[in-house]
């Protein structure tokens, strides 16, 4: 935990490999795959824009109990972030994300100009395996304006400040994840 907090403080992002036991990620992946027919084209603030992002998403709710366990972990982690950085995080919102072959998300910020209540963003990769030539990296600019490629290795969990510039590079293989935001507002004010 100290290493994650140190990396967030120093660079604005942190990466955790082998975040969960294999049985748990397998169960989350299965839940994701069983619900793919419920996924919808992702949008941005002004609607669906396929030239900006082309993934499909499913917002997490109580009908997805395995994924909710990940949210519970993020909420517990938020308490530690609040103690370390006084962020005032109150809850997490999240969705499954599916990037099929050829899909991408152009460079953006999850909280541009502090325009919303997203404080820390996270991506947990739940697909089974990944090869470097499948691309689909998270391309992230740290708080010192240096760029990093984070390969979407299975069971890798990345955290980063929501105001950092980032993109999802075009993938050559189905890429599954849970994207979450740790927010400093109350859940009933969230507009999904």
C-alpha atoms as a PDB file:
ATOM      1  CA  UNK A   1       0.000   0.000   0.000  1.00  0.00           C
ATOM      2  CA  UNK A   2       2.797   2.441   0.842  1.00  0.00           C
ATOM      3  CA  UNK A   3       4.326   1.871  -2.600  1.00  0.00           C
ATOM      4  CA  UNK A   4       1.022   2.764  -4.307  1.00  0.00           C
ATOM      5  CA  UNK A   5       0.654   5.923  -2.231  1.00  0.00           C
ATOM      6  CA  UNK A   6       4.278   6.897  -2.921  1.00  0.00           C
ATOM      7  CA  UNK A   7       3.853   6.415  -6.678  1.00  0.00           C
ATOM      8  CA  UNK A   8       0.629   8.431  -6.727  1.00  0.00           C
ATOM      9  CA  UNK A   9       2.308  11.215  -4.774  1.00  0.00           C
ATOM     10  CA  UNK A  10       5.461  11.274  -6.917  1.00  0.00           C
ATOM     11  CA  UNK A  11       4.068  10.631 -10.419  1.00  0.00           C
ATOM     12  CA  UNK A  12       0.279  10.887 -10.188  1.00  0.00           C
ATOM     13  CA  UNK A  13      -0.193   7.219 -11.085  1.00  0.00           C
ATOM     14  CA  UNK A  14       0.541   3.745  -9.753  1.00  0.00           C
ATOM     15  CA  UNK A  15       0.385   0.232 -11.198  1.00  0.00           C
ATOM     16  CA  UNK A  16      -0.326  -2.974  -9.255  1.00  0.00           C
ATOM     17  CA  UNK A  17       0.306  -6.352 -10.900  1.00  0.00           C
ATOM     18  CA  UNK A  18      -1.483  -9.538  -9.822  1.00  0.00           C
ATOM     19  CA  UNK A  19      -4.023  -7.426  -7.976  1.00  0.00           C
ATOM     20  CA  UNK A  20      -6.360 -10.288  -7.020  1.00  0.00           C
ATOM     21  CA  UNK A  21      -6.334 -14.088  -6.636  1.00  0.00           C
ATOM     22  CA  UNK A  22      -6.872 -15.996  -9.896  1.00  0.00           C
ATOM     23  CA  UNK A  23     -10.210 -17.464  -8.801  1.00  0.00           C
ATOM     24  CA  UNK A  24     -11.620 -13.984  -8.233  1.00  0.00           C
ATOM     25  CA  UNK A  25     -10.514 -12.459 -11.539  1.00  0.00           C
ATOM     26  CA  UNK A  26     -11.799 -15.576 -13.334  1.00  0.00           C
ATOM     27  CA  UNK A  27     -15.212 -15.073 -11.697  1.00  0.00           C
ATOM     28  CA  UNK A  28     -15.294 -11.363 -12.601  1.00  0.00           C
ATOM     29  CA  UNK A  29     -14.288 -12.130 -16.205  1.00  0.00           C
ATOM     30  CA  UNK A  30     -17.044 -14.739 -16.445  1.00  0.00           C
ATOM     31  CA  UNK A  31     -19.583 -12.225 -15.101  1.00  0.00           C
ATOM     32  CA  UNK A  32     -18.386  -9.694 -17.671  1.00  0.00           C
ATOM     33  CA  UNK A  33     -18.594 -12.132 -20.586  1.00  0.00           C
ATOM     34  CA  UNK A  34     -22.036 -13.380 -19.530  1.00  0.00           C
ATOM     35  CA  UNK A  35     -23.348  -9.808 -19.716  1.00  0.00           C
ATOM     36  CA  UNK A  36     -21.765  -8.629 -22.998  1.00  0.00           C
ATOM     37  CA  UNK A  37     -25.213  -8.462 -24.656  1.00  0.00           C
ATOM     38  CA  UNK A  38     -26.125  -5.731 -22.135  1.00  0.00           C
ATOM     39  CA  UNK A  39     -23.177  -3.499 -23.084  1.00  0.00           C
ATOM     40  CA  UNK A  40     -23.909  -0.249 -24.933  1.00  0.00           C
ATOM     41  CA  UNK A  41     -21.778   2.127 -26.994  1.00  0.00           C
ATOM     42  CA  UNK A  42     -19.887   4.422 -24.672  1.00  0.00           C
ATOM     43  CA  UNK A  43     -20.457   8.136 -24.889  1.00  0.00           C
ATOM     44  CA  UNK A  44     -18.891  11.372 -23.853  1.00  0.00           C
ATOM     45  CA  UNK A  45     -20.583  14.354 -22.237  1.00  0.00           C
ATOM     46  CA  UNK A  46     -22.424  15.306 -25.444  1.00  0.00           C
ATOM     47  CA  UNK A  47     -23.382  11.800 -26.557  1.00  0.00           C
ATOM     48  CA  UNK A  48     -21.843   8.905 -28.466  1.00  0.00           C
ATOM     49  CA  UNK A  49     -18.873   9.980 -30.586  1.00  0.00           C
ATOM     50  CA  UNK A  50     -17.316   7.004 -32.387  1.00  0.00           C
ATOM     51  CA  UNK A  51     -14.391   9.115 -33.634  1.00  0.00           C
ATOM     52  CA  UNK A  52     -13.410   9.910 -30.015  1.00  0.00           C
ATOM     53  CA  UNK A  53     -14.142   6.601 -28.308  1.00  0.00           C
ATOM     54  CA  UNK A  54     -15.376   3.311 -29.659  1.00  0.00           C
ATOM     55  CA  UNK A  55     -15.620   1.005 -26.643  1.00  0.00           C
ATOM     56  CA  UNK A  56     -18.769  -0.493 -25.175  1.00  0.00           C
ATOM     57  CA  UNK A  57     -19.646  -0.284 -21.487  1.00  0.00           C
ATOM     58  CA  UNK A  58     -21.956  -1.637 -18.811  1.00  0.00           C
ATOM     59  CA  UNK A  59     -22.354   0.408 -15.626  1.00  0.00           C
ATOM     60  CA  UNK A  60     -21.938  -1.717 -12.501  1.00  0.00           C
ATOM     61  CA  UNK A  61     -24.950  -2.257 -10.278  1.00  0.00           C
ATOM     62  CA  UNK A  62     -26.218  -4.841  -7.802  1.00  0.00           C
ATOM     63  CA  UNK A  63     -26.966  -7.301 -10.638  1.00  0.00           C
ATOM     64  CA  UNK A  64     -23.175  -7.791 -10.963  1.00  0.00           C
ATOM     65  CA  UNK A  65     -22.152  -9.109  -7.517  1.00  0.00           C
ATOM     66  CA  UNK A  66     -18.596 -10.182  -8.410  1.00  0.00           C
ATOM     67  CA  UNK A  67     -17.742  -6.784  -9.881  1.00  0.00           C
ATOM     68  CA  UNK A  68     -19.288  -5.138  -6.821  1.00  0.00           C
ATOM     69  CA  UNK A  69     -16.621  -6.828  -4.690  1.00  0.00           C
ATOM     70  CA  UNK A  70     -13.987  -4.863  -6.625  1.00  0.00           C
ATOM     71  CA  UNK A  71     -15.943  -1.658  -5.909  1.00  0.00           C
ATOM     72  CA  UNK A  72     -15.932  -2.545  -2.208  1.00  0.00           C
ATOM     73  CA  UNK A  73     -12.127  -2.852  -2.334  1.00  0.00           C
ATOM     74  CA  UNK A  74     -11.881   0.531  -4.084  1.00  0.00           C
ATOM     75  CA  UNK A  75     -14.074   2.120  -1.423  1.00  0.00           C
ATOM     76  CA  UNK A  76     -11.787   0.736   1.297  1.00  0.00           C
ATOM     77  CA  UNK A  77      -8.739   1.974  -0.625  1.00  0.00           C
ATOM     78  CA  UNK A  78     -10.391   5.404  -0.822  1.00  0.00           C
ATOM     79  CA  UNK A  79     -10.255   5.646   2.965  1.00  0.00           C
ATOM     80  CA  UNK A  80      -6.478   5.236   2.835  1.00  0.00           C
ATOM     81  CA  UNK A  81      -6.208   7.796   0.032  1.00  0.00           C
ATOM     82  CA  UNK A  82      -8.240  10.241   2.111  1.00  0.00           C
ATOM     83  CA  UNK A  83      -5.963   9.739   5.122  1.00  0.00           C
ATOM     84  CA  UNK A  84      -2.818  10.191   3.016  1.00  0.00           C
ATOM     85  CA  UNK A  85      -3.891  13.036   0.712  1.00  0.00           C
ATOM     86  CA  UNK A  86      -7.073  14.559   2.203  1.00  0.00           C
ATOM     87  CA  UNK A  87      -8.981  13.965  -1.042  1.00  0.00           C
ATOM     88  CA  UNK A  88     -12.476  13.752   0.430  1.00  0.00           C
ATOM     89  CA  UNK A  89     -13.418  10.695  -1.654  1.00  0.00           C
ATOM     90  CA  UNK A  90     -16.907   9.485  -0.768  1.00  0.00           C
ATOM     91  CA  UNK A  91     -17.637   6.665  -3.222  1.00  0.00           C
ATOM     92  CA  UNK A  92     -16.672   4.847  -6.409  1.00  0.00           C
ATOM     93  CA  UNK A  93     -18.578   4.622  -9.691  1.00  0.00           C
ATOM     94  CA  UNK A  94     -17.566   2.067 -12.303  1.00  0.00           C
ATOM     95  CA  UNK A  95     -18.391   0.215 -15.473  1.00  0.00           C
ATOM     96  CA  UNK A  96     -17.187  -2.783 -17.402  1.00  0.00           C
ATOM     97  CA  UNK A  97     -15.478  -1.713 -20.626  1.00  0.00           C
ATOM     98  CA  UNK A  98     -15.028  -3.846 -23.726  1.00  0.00           C
ATOM     99  CA  UNK A  99     -12.702  -2.767 -26.521  1.00  0.00           C
ATOM    100  CA  UNK A 100     -13.105  -5.088 -29.492  1.00  0.00           C
ATOM    101  CA  UNK A 101     -10.385  -5.329 -32.162  1.00  0.00           C
ATOM    102  CA  UNK A 102      -9.728  -1.922 -33.705  1.00  0.00           C
ATOM    103  CA  UNK A 103     -11.354   0.069 -30.885  1.00  0.00           C
ATOM    104  CA  UNK A 104      -9.761   2.996 -29.025  1.00  0.00           C
ATOM    105  CA  UNK A 105     -10.340   6.112 -26.900  1.00  0.00           C
ATOM    106  CA  UNK A 106      -8.528   9.302 -27.927  1.00  0.00           C
ATOM    107  CA  UNK A 107      -6.609  11.506 -25.488  1.00  0.00           C
ATOM    108  CA  UNK A 108      -8.783  13.018 -22.767  1.00  0.00           C
ATOM    109  CA  UNK A 109      -8.994  13.802 -19.054  1.00  0.00           C
ATOM    110  CA  UNK A 110     -11.565  12.188 -16.775  1.00  0.00           C
ATOM    111  CA  UNK A 111     -11.897  15.446 -14.831  1.00  0.00           C
ATOM    112  CA  UNK A 112     -10.928  18.307 -17.140  1.00  0.00           C
ATOM    113  CA  UNK A 113     -10.472  21.646 -15.355  1.00  0.00           C
ATOM    114  CA  UNK A 114     -11.981  20.122 -12.161  1.00  0.00           C
ATOM    115  CA  UNK A 115     -15.343  20.090 -13.995  1.00  0.00           C
ATOM    116  CA  UNK A 116     -16.708  17.022 -12.195  1.00  0.00           C
ATOM    117  CA  UNK A 117     -16.186  15.080  -8.991  1.00  0.00           C
ATOM    118  CA  UNK A 118     -13.789  12.406 -10.265  1.00  0.00           C
ATOM    119  CA  UNK A 119     -10.581  12.482  -8.196  1.00  0.00           C
ATOM    120  CA  UNK A 120      -8.771   9.199  -8.883  1.00  0.00           C
ATOM    121  CA  UNK A 121      -9.358   6.973 -11.915  1.00  0.00           C
ATOM    122  CA  UNK A 122      -8.584   3.263 -12.057  1.00  0.00           C
ATOM    123  CA  UNK A 123      -8.537   0.521 -14.653  1.00  0.00           C
ATOM    124  CA  UNK A 124      -8.435  -3.175 -13.749  1.00  0.00           C
ATOM    125  CA  UNK A 125      -7.779  -5.500 -16.688  1.00  0.00           C
ATOM    126  CA  UNK A 126      -9.926  -8.633 -16.442  1.00  0.00           C
ATOM    127  CA  UNK A 127      -9.284 -10.383 -19.791  1.00  0.00           C
ATOM    128  CA  UNK A 128      -7.520 -13.736 -19.543  1.00  0.00           C
ATOM    129  CA  UNK A 129      -4.168 -13.081 -21.191  1.00  0.00           C
ATOM    130  CA  UNK A 130      -2.397 -10.366 -23.141  1.00  0.00           C
ATOM    131  CA  UNK A 131       0.395 -10.195 -25.726  1.00  0.00           C
ATOM    132  CA  UNK A 132       2.396  -7.012 -26.315  1.00  0.00           C
ATOM    133  CA  UNK A 133       1.609  -6.986 -30.060  1.00  0.00           C
ATOM    134  CA  UNK A 134      -2.122  -6.723 -29.269  1.00  0.00           C
ATOM    135  CA  UNK A 135      -1.472  -3.107 -28.168  1.00  0.00           C
ATOM    136  CA  UNK A 136      -4.478  -1.534 -26.359  1.00  0.00           C
ATOM    137  CA  UNK A 137      -2.134   0.223 -23.931  1.00  0.00           C
ATOM    138  CA  UNK A 138      -3.150   2.956 -21.559  1.00  0.00           C
ATOM    139  CA  UNK A 139      -0.989   5.878 -22.733  1.00  0.00           C
ATOM    140  CA  UNK A 140      -0.725   8.241 -19.780  1.00  0.00           C
ATOM    141  CA  UNK A 141       0.945  11.607 -19.152  1.00  0.00           C
ATOM    142  CA  UNK A 142       2.168  11.797 -15.559  1.00  0.00           C
ATOM    143  CA  UNK A 143       2.084  14.922 -13.395  1.00  0.00           C
ATOM    144  CA  UNK A 144       5.564  15.906 -14.666  1.00  0.00           C
ATOM    145  CA  UNK A 145       4.358  15.758 -18.313  1.00  0.00           C
ATOM    146  CA  UNK A 146       6.236  12.511 -19.071  1.00  0.00           C
ATOM    147  CA  UNK A 147       4.348   9.900 -21.124  1.00  0.00           C
ATOM    148  CA  UNK A 148       4.068   6.210 -20.158  1.00  0.00           C
ATOM    149  CA  UNK A 149       2.634   3.149 -21.903  1.00  0.00           C
ATOM    150  CA  UNK A 150       0.853   0.805 -19.487  1.00  0.00           C
ATOM    151  CA  UNK A 151       0.305  -2.577 -21.109  1.00  0.00           C
ATOM    152  CA  UNK A 152      -3.108  -4.075 -20.249  1.00  0.00           C
ATOM    153  CA  UNK A 153      -1.713  -7.205 -18.631  1.00  0.00           C
ATOM    154  CA  UNK A 154      -4.334  -9.489 -17.135  1.00  0.00           C
ATOM    155  CA  UNK A 155      -5.025  -8.691 -13.452  1.00  0.00           C
ATOM    156  CA  UNK A 156      -3.113  -5.395 -13.641  1.00  0.00           C
ATOM    157  CA  UNK A 157      -4.689  -2.488 -11.769  1.00  0.00           C
ATOM    158  CA  UNK A 158      -3.712   1.084 -12.627  1.00  0.00           C
ATOM    159  CA  UNK A 159      -4.598   4.157 -10.562  1.00  0.00           C
ATOM    160  CA  UNK A 160      -4.104   7.736 -11.737  1.00  0.00           C
ATOM    161  CA  UNK A 161      -5.213  11.272 -10.997  1.00  0.00           C
ATOM    162  CA  UNK A 162      -8.417  11.945 -12.934  1.00  0.00           C
ATOM    163  CA  UNK A 163      -7.073  15.227 -14.317  1.00  0.00           C
ATOM    164  CA  UNK A 164      -4.135  13.550 -16.114  1.00  0.00           C
ATOM    165  CA  UNK A 165      -4.204  13.316 -19.908  1.00  0.00           C
ATOM    166  CA  UNK A 166      -4.506   9.727 -21.164  1.00  0.00           C
ATOM    167  CA  UNK A 167      -5.783   7.583 -24.021  1.00  0.00           C
ATOM    168  CA  UNK A 168      -6.481   3.956 -24.871  1.00  0.00           C
ATOM    169  CA  UNK A 169      -4.447   2.894 -27.899  1.00  0.00           C
ATOM    170  CA  UNK A 170      -6.176   0.902 -30.634  1.00  0.00           C
ATOM    171  CA  UNK A 171      -6.367  -2.739 -29.618  1.00  0.00           C
ATOM    172  CA  UNK A 172      -5.770  -5.807 -31.773  1.00  0.00           C
ATOM    173  CA  UNK A 173      -7.621  -8.158 -29.415  1.00  0.00           C
ATOM    174  CA  UNK A 174     -10.721  -7.997 -27.204  1.00  0.00           C
ATOM    175  CA  UNK A 175      -9.734  -5.990 -24.113  1.00  0.00           C
ATOM    176  CA  UNK A 176     -11.912  -6.246 -20.985  1.00  0.00           C
ATOM    177  CA  UNK A 177     -11.644  -4.071 -17.901  1.00  0.00           C
ATOM    178  CA  UNK A 178     -13.429  -2.389 -15.053  1.00  0.00           C
ATOM    179  CA  UNK A 179     -12.936   1.354 -15.214  1.00  0.00           C
ATOM    180  CA  UNK A 180     -13.720   3.171 -11.980  1.00  0.00           C
ATOM    181  CA  UNK A 181     -13.596   6.676 -10.578  1.00  0.00           C
ATOM    182  CA  UNK A 182     -13.191   7.577  -6.927  1.00  0.00           C
ATOM    183  CA  UNK A 183     -15.406  10.611  -6.440  1.00  0.00           C
ATOM    184  CA  UNK A 184     -15.712  13.349  -3.832  1.00  0.00           C
ATOM    185  CA  UNK A 185     -19.502  13.784  -4.139  1.00  0.00           C
ATOM    186  CA  UNK A 186     -22.335  11.727  -2.699  1.00  0.00           C
ATOM    187  CA  UNK A 187     -23.667   8.765  -4.744  1.00  0.00           C
ATOM    188  CA  UNK A 188     -27.199  10.165  -5.130  1.00  0.00           C
ATOM    189  CA  UNK A 189     -25.811  13.148  -7.060  1.00  0.00           C
ATOM    190  CA  UNK A 190     -24.134  10.977  -9.703  1.00  0.00           C
ATOM    191  CA  UNK A 191     -25.679  11.061 -13.168  1.00  0.00           C
ATOM    192  CA  UNK A 192     -24.921   7.849 -15.017  1.00  0.00           C
END
